[in-house]
PDB file of all heavy atoms in Angstrom:
ATOM      1  N   HIS A   1      -0.040   3.993  -6.782  1.00  0.00           N
ATOM      2  CA  HIS A   1       0.524   5.323  -7.020  1.00  0.00           C
ATOM      3  C   HIS A   1      -0.547   6.371  -6.760  1.00  0.00           C
ATOM      4  O   HIS A   1      -0.307   7.371  -6.066  1.00  0.00           O
ATOM      5  CB  HIS A   1       1.046   5.447  -8.453  1.00  0.00           C
ATOM      6  CG  HIS A   1       1.745   6.740  -8.716  1.00  0.00           C
ATOM      7  ND1 HIS A   1       3.121   6.867  -8.673  1.00  0.00           N
ATOM      8  CD2 HIS A   1       1.264   7.978  -9.014  1.00  0.00           C
ATOM      9  CE1 HIS A   1       3.454   8.115  -8.927  1.00  0.00           C
ATOM     10  NE2 HIS A   1       2.348   8.813  -9.144  1.00  0.00           N
ATOM     11  N   ALA A   2      -1.748   6.134  -7.288  1.00  0.00           N
ATOM     12  CA  ALA A   2      -2.852   7.067  -7.087  1.00  0.00           C
ATOM     13  C   ALA A   2      -3.275   7.116  -5.620  1.00  0.00           C
ATOM     14  O   ALA A   2      -3.553   8.198  -5.077  1.00  0.00           O
ATOM     15  CB  ALA A   2      -4.034   6.678  -7.973  1.00  0.00           C
ATOM     16  N   LEU A   3      -3.315   5.943  -4.960  1.00  0.00           N
ATOM     17  CA  LEU A   3      -3.735   5.926  -3.560  1.00  0.00           C
ATOM     18  C   LEU A   3      -2.700   6.596  -2.669  1.00  0.00           C
ATOM     19  O   LEU A   3      -3.041   7.253  -1.676  1.00  0.00           O
ATOM     20  CB  LEU A   3      -3.973   4.488  -3.103  1.00  0.00           C
ATOM     21  CG  LEU A   3      -4.837   4.325  -1.844  1.00  0.00           C
ATOM     22  CD1 LEU A   3      -6.248   4.846  -2.077  1.00  0.00           C
ATOM     23  CD2 LEU A   3      -4.880   2.863  -1.403  1.00  0.00           C
ATOM     24  N   GLY A   4      -1.427   6.453  -3.018  1.00  0.00           N
ATOM     25  CA  GLY A   4      -0.388   7.154  -2.278  1.00  0.00           C
ATOM     26  C   GLY A   4      -0.537   8.656  -2.383  1.00  0.00           C
ATOM     27  O   GLY A   4      -0.359   9.394  -1.405  1.00  0.00           O
ATOM     28  N   GLU A   5      -0.866   9.132  -3.587  1.00  0.00           N
ATOM     29  CA  GLU A   5      -1.102  10.563  -3.768  1.00  0.00           C
ATOM     30  C   GLU A   5      -2.313  11.018  -2.970  1.00  0.00           C
ATOM     31  O   GLU A   5      -2.330  12.129  -2.421  1.00  0.00           O
ATOM     32  CB  GLU A   5      -1.285  10.879  -5.257  1.00  0.00           C
ATOM     33  CG  GLU A   5      -0.016  10.694  -6.080  1.00  0.00           C
ATOM     34  CD  GLU A   5       1.152  11.493  -5.527  1.00  0.00           C
ATOM     35  OE1 GLU A   5       0.986  12.720  -5.336  1.00  0.00           O
ATOM     36  OE2 GLU A   5       2.213  10.897  -5.256  1.00  0.00           O
ATOM     37  N   LYS A   6      -3.348  10.160  -2.906  1.00  0.00           N
ATOM     38  CA  LYS A   6      -4.521  10.476  -2.094  1.00  0.00           C
ATOM     39  C   LYS A   6      -4.137  10.596  -0.627  1.00  0.00           C
ATOM     40  O   LYS A   6      -4.571  11.526   0.072  1.00  0.00           O
ATOM     41  CB  LYS A   6      -5.577   9.376  -2.278  1.00  0.00           C
ATOM     42  CG  LYS A   6      -6.828   9.552  -1.421  1.00  0.00           C
ATOM     43  CD  LYS A   6      -7.613  10.793  -1.806  1.00  0.00           C
ATOM     44  CE  LYS A   6      -8.910  10.881  -1.038  1.00  0.00           C
ATOM     45  NZ  LYS A   6      -9.668  12.129  -1.361  1.00  0.00           N
ATOM     46  N   ALA A   7      -3.309   9.678  -0.161  1.00  0.00           N
ATOM     47  CA  ALA A   7      -2.859   9.743   1.229  1.00  0.00           C
ATOM     48  C   ALA A   7      -2.116  11.051   1.494  1.00  0.00           C
ATOM     49  O   ALA A   7      -2.344  11.705   2.523  1.00  0.00           O
ATOM     50  CB  ALA A   7      -1.959   8.543   1.544  1.00  0.00           C
ATOM     51  N   ARG A   8      -1.247  11.423   0.580  1.00  0.00           N
ATOM     52  CA  ARG A   8      -0.503  12.679   0.740  1.00  0.00           C
ATOM     53  C   ARG A   8      -1.453  13.882   0.768  1.00  0.00           C
ATOM     54  O   ARG A   8      -1.258  14.820   1.540  1.00  0.00           O
ATOM     55  CB  ARG A   8       0.517  12.829  -0.400  1.00  0.00           C
ATOM     56  CG  ARG A   8       1.713  11.872  -0.304  1.00  0.00           C
ATOM     57  CD  ARG A   8       2.712  12.354   0.731  1.00  0.00           C
ATOM     58  NE  ARG A   8       3.809  11.435   0.920  1.00  0.00           N
ATOM     59  CZ  ARG A   8       4.990  11.524   0.291  1.00  0.00           C
ATOM     60  NH1 ARG A   8       5.194  12.474  -0.612  1.00  0.00           N
ATOM     61  NH2 ARG A   8       5.940  10.658   0.558  1.00  0.00           N
ATOM     62  N   SER A   9      -2.471  13.843  -0.082  1.00  0.00           N
ATOM     63  CA  SER A   9      -3.421  14.961  -0.129  1.00  0.00           C
ATOM     64  C   SER A   9      -4.204  15.098   1.173  1.00  0.00           C
ATOM     65  O   SER A   9      -4.693  16.194   1.500  1.00  0.00           O
ATOM     66  CB  SER A   9      -4.383  14.791  -1.305  1.00  0.00           C
ATOM     67  OG  SER A   9      -5.353  13.793  -1.047  1.00  0.00           O
ATOM     68  N   LEU A  10      -4.318  13.985   1.922  1.00  0.00           N
ATOM     69  CA  LEU A  10      -5.022  14.002   3.198  1.00  0.00           C
ATOM     70  C   LEU A  10      -4.083  14.312   4.369  1.00  0.00           C
ATOM     71  O   LEU A  10      -4.507  14.309   5.518  1.00  0.00           O
ATOM     72  CB  LEU A  10      -5.695  12.648   3.435  1.00  0.00           C
ATOM     73  CG  LEU A  10      -6.888  12.320   2.525  1.00  0.00           C
ATOM     74  CD1 LEU A  10      -7.278  10.851   2.666  1.00  0.00           C
ATOM     75  CD2 LEU A  10      -8.072  13.222   2.850  1.00  0.00           C
ATOM     76  N   GLY A  11      -2.821  14.553   4.079  1.00  0.00           N
ATOM     77  CA  GLY A  11      -1.863  14.909   5.111  1.00  0.00           C
ATOM     78  C   GLY A  11      -1.095  13.743   5.693  1.00  0.00           C
ATOM     79  O   GLY A  11      -0.373  13.908   6.688  1.00  0.00           O
ATOM     80  N   MET A  12      -1.219  12.559   5.072  1.00  0.00           N
ATOM     81  CA  MET A  12      -0.486  11.390   5.546  1.00  0.00           C
ATOM     82  C   MET A  12       0.776  11.176   4.721  1.00  0.00           C
ATOM     83  O   MET A  12       0.976  11.834   3.706  1.00  0.00           O
ATOM     84  CB  MET A  12      -1.407  10.163   5.497  1.00  0.00           C
ATOM     85  CG  MET A  12      -2.616  10.297   6.406  1.00  0.00           C
ATOM     86  SD  MET A  12      -3.685   8.814   6.481  1.00  0.00           S
ATOM     87  CE  MET A  12      -4.515   8.911   4.886  1.00  0.00           C
ATOM     88  N   GLU A  13       1.619  10.234   5.149  1.00  0.00           N
ATOM     89  CA  GLU A  13       2.865   9.966   4.436  1.00  0.00           C
ATOM     90  C   GLU A  13       2.643   9.092   3.203  1.00  0.00           C
ATOM     91  O   GLU A  13       3.275   9.295   2.178  1.00  0.00           O
ATOM     92  CB  GLU A  13       3.877   9.293   5.360  1.00  0.00           C
ATOM     93  CG  GLU A  13       4.361  10.180   6.502  1.00  0.00           C
ATOM     94  CD  GLU A  13       5.205  11.349   6.023  1.00  0.00           C
ATOM     95  OE1 GLU A  13       5.904  11.197   5.005  1.00  0.00           O
ATOM     96  OE2 GLU A  13       5.134  12.408   6.661  1.00  0.00           O
ATOM     97  N   GLY A  14       1.755   8.081   3.324  1.00  0.00           N
ATOM     98  CA  GLY A  14       1.530   7.242   2.162  1.00  0.00           C
ATOM     99  C   GLY A  14       0.996   5.876   2.502  1.00  0.00           C
ATOM    100  O   GLY A  14       0.440   5.641   3.583  1.00  0.00           O
ATOM    101  N   ILE A  15       1.180   4.950   1.544  1.00  0.00           N
ATOM    102  CA  ILE A  15       0.672   3.586   1.619  1.00  0.00           C
ATOM    103  C   ILE A  15       1.833   2.624   1.833  1.00  0.00           C
ATOM    104  O   ILE A  15       2.856   2.715   1.149  1.00  0.00           O
ATOM    105  CB  ILE A  15      -0.056   3.205   0.319  1.00  0.00           C
ATOM    106  CG1 ILE A  15      -1.177   4.201   0.010  1.00  0.00           C
ATOM    107  CG2 ILE A  15      -0.589   1.773   0.394  1.00  0.00           C
ATOM    108  CD1 ILE A  15      -2.290   4.239   1.036  1.00  0.00           C
ATOM    109  N   ALA A  16       1.656   1.678   2.766  1.00  0.00           N
ATOM    110  CA  ALA A  16       2.666   0.649   3.014  1.00  0.00           C
ATOM    111  C   ALA A  16       2.100  -0.696   2.576  1.00  0.00           C
ATOM    112  O   ALA A  16       1.157  -1.210   3.189  1.00  0.00           O
ATOM    113  CB  ALA A  16       3.052   0.612   4.493  1.00  0.00           C
ATOM    114  N   LEU A  17       2.660  -1.265   1.503  1.00  0.00           N
ATOM    115  CA  LEU A  17       2.202  -2.555   1.000  1.00  0.00           C
ATOM    116  C   LEU A  17       2.758  -3.671   1.879  1.00  0.00           C
ATOM    117  O   LEU A  17       3.954  -3.717   2.158  1.00  0.00           O
ATOM    118  CB  LEU A  17       2.643  -2.753  -0.447  1.00  0.00           C
ATOM    119  CG  LEU A  17       2.063  -1.773  -1.466  1.00  0.00           C
ATOM    120  CD1 LEU A  17       2.578  -2.100  -2.867  1.00  0.00           C
ATOM    121  CD2 LEU A  17       0.543  -1.790  -1.439  1.00  0.00           C
ATOM    122  N   GLU A  18       1.885  -4.584   2.254  1.00  0.00           N
ATOM    123  CA  GLU A  18       2.248  -5.636   3.205  1.00  0.00           C
ATOM    124  C   GLU A  18       2.742  -6.897   2.502  1.00  0.00           C
ATOM    125  O   GLU A  18       2.173  -7.313   1.486  1.00  0.00           O
ATOM    126  CB  GLU A  18       1.021  -5.980   4.059  1.00  0.00           C
ATOM    127  CG  GLU A  18       1.278  -7.009   5.140  1.00  0.00           C
ATOM    128  CD  GLU A  18       0.072  -7.215   6.032  1.00  0.00           C
ATOM    129  OE1 GLU A  18      -0.926  -6.482   5.896  1.00  0.00           O
ATOM    130  OE2 GLU A  18       0.145  -8.131   6.880  1.00  0.00           O
ATOM    131  N   ASN A  19       3.794  -7.492   3.065  1.00  0.00           N
ATOM    132  CA  ASN A  19       4.186  -8.834   2.602  1.00  0.00           C
ATOM    133  C   ASN A  19       3.141  -9.834   3.062  1.00  0.00           C
ATOM    134  O   ASN A  19       2.623  -9.749   4.168  1.00  0.00           O
ATOM    135  CB  ASN A  19       5.573  -9.208   3.134  1.00  0.00           C
ATOM    136  CG  ASN A  19       5.592  -9.349   4.648  1.00  0.00           C
ATOM    137  OD1 ASN A  19       5.137  -8.460   5.374  1.00  0.00           O
ATOM    138  ND2 ASN A  19       6.132 -10.450   5.145  1.00  0.00           N
ATOM    139  N   MET A  20       2.814 -10.765   2.198  1.00  0.00           N
ATOM    140  CA  MET A  20       1.712 -11.676   2.470  1.00  0.00           C
ATOM    141  C   MET A  20       2.197 -13.061   2.885  1.00  0.00           C
ATOM    142  O   MET A  20       3.364 -13.388   2.759  1.00  0.00           O
ATOM    143  CB  MET A  20       0.799 -11.772   1.247  1.00  0.00           C
ATOM    144  CG  MET A  20       0.207 -10.422   0.832  1.00  0.00           C
ATOM    145  SD  MET A  20      -0.563  -9.535   2.210  1.00  0.00           S
ATOM    146  CE  MET A  20      -1.804 -10.699   2.709  1.00  0.00           C
ATOM    147  N   ALA A  21       1.256 -13.873   3.389  1.00  0.00           N
ATOM    148  CA  ALA A  21       1.589 -15.233   3.798  1.00  0.00           C
ATOM    149  C   ALA A  21       1.677 -16.115   2.565  1.00  0.00           C
ATOM    150  O   ALA A  21       0.705 -16.263   1.839  1.00  0.00           O
ATOM    151  CB  ALA A  21       0.531 -15.768   4.759  1.00  0.00           C
ATOM    152  N   TYR A  22       2.836 -16.682   2.314  1.00  0.00           N
ATOM    153  CA  TYR A  22       3.042 -17.471   1.105  1.00  0.00           C
ATOM    154  C   TYR A  22       2.467 -18.867   1.288  1.00  0.00           C
ATOM    155  O   TYR A  22       2.858 -19.607   2.184  1.00  0.00           O
ATOM    156  CB  TYR A  22       4.529 -17.572   0.788  1.00  0.00           C
ATOM    157  CG  TYR A  22       4.802 -18.272  -0.514  1.00  0.00           C
ATOM    158  CD1 TYR A  22       4.359 -17.728  -1.712  1.00  0.00           C
ATOM    159  CD2 TYR A  22       5.479 -19.487  -0.552  1.00  0.00           C
ATOM    160  CE1 TYR A  22       4.606 -18.359  -2.914  1.00  0.00           C
ATOM    161  CE2 TYR A  22       5.724 -20.134  -1.749  1.00  0.00           C
ATOM    162  CZ  TYR A  22       5.284 -19.569  -2.929  1.00  0.00           C
ATOM    163  OH  TYR A  22       5.512 -20.199  -4.121  1.00  0.00           O
ATOM    164  N   LEU A  23       1.528 -19.228   0.422  1.00  0.00           N
ATOM    165  CA  LEU A  23       0.902 -20.539   0.503  1.00  0.00           C
ATOM    166  C   LEU A  23       1.067 -21.316  -0.797  1.00  0.00           C
ATOM    167  O   LEU A  23       0.275 -22.168  -1.129  1.00  0.00           O
ATOM    168  CB  LEU A  23      -0.593 -20.375   0.826  1.00  0.00           C
ATOM    169  CG  LEU A  23      -0.906 -19.698   2.160  1.00  0.00           C
ATOM    170  CD1 LEU A  23      -2.402 -19.476   2.310  1.00  0.00           C
ATOM    171  CD2 LEU A  23      -0.397 -20.542   3.311  1.00  0.00           C
ATOM    172  N   GLY A  24       2.108 -21.013  -1.544  1.00  0.00           N
ATOM    173  CA  GLY A  24       2.335 -21.690  -2.815  1.00  0.00           C
ATOM    174  C   GLY A  24       1.809 -20.868  -3.984  1.00  0.00           C
ATOM    175  O   GLY A  24       0.985 -19.978  -3.810  1.00  0.00           O
ATOM    176  N   PRO A  25       2.289 -21.139  -5.171  1.00  0.00           N
ATOM    177  CA  PRO A  25       1.909 -20.321  -6.335  1.00  0.00           C
ATOM    178  C   PRO A  25       0.438 -20.427  -6.698  1.00  0.00           C
ATOM    179  O   PRO A  25      -0.134 -19.494  -7.249  1.00  0.00           O
ATOM    180  CB  PRO A  25       2.797 -20.880  -7.452  1.00  0.00           C
ATOM    181  CG  PRO A  25       3.154 -22.261  -7.017  1.00  0.00           C
ATOM    182  CD  PRO A  25       3.240 -22.192  -5.526  1.00  0.00           C
ATOM    183  N   TYR A  26      -0.206 -21.538  -6.365  1.00  0.00           N
ATOM    184  CA  TYR A  26      -1.630 -21.682  -6.652  1.00  0.00           C
ATOM    185  C   TYR A  26      -2.315 -22.300  -5.434  1.00  0.00           C
ATOM    186  O   TYR A  26      -2.567 -23.492  -5.372  1.00  0.00           O
ATOM    187  CB  TYR A  26      -1.862 -22.528  -7.909  1.00  0.00           C
ATOM    188  CG  TYR A  26      -1.350 -21.844  -9.133  1.00  0.00           C
ATOM    189  CD1 TYR A  26      -0.088 -22.138  -9.640  1.00  0.00           C
ATOM    190  CD2 TYR A  26      -2.089 -20.851  -9.765  1.00  0.00           C
ATOM    191  CE1 TYR A  26       0.410 -21.480 -10.749  1.00  0.00           C
ATOM    192  CE2 TYR A  26      -1.599 -20.200 -10.879  1.00  0.00           C
ATOM    193  CZ  TYR A  26      -0.348 -20.515 -11.364  1.00  0.00           C
ATOM    194  OH  TYR A  26       0.132 -19.844 -12.446  1.00  0.00           O
TER     195      TYR A  26
END
């Protein structure tokens, strides 16, 4: 949330969180 606000303050749209490669719960 804070980093998204930082992105907006710099003139960008925001942060896009990436889906990760699933390798099992542990």
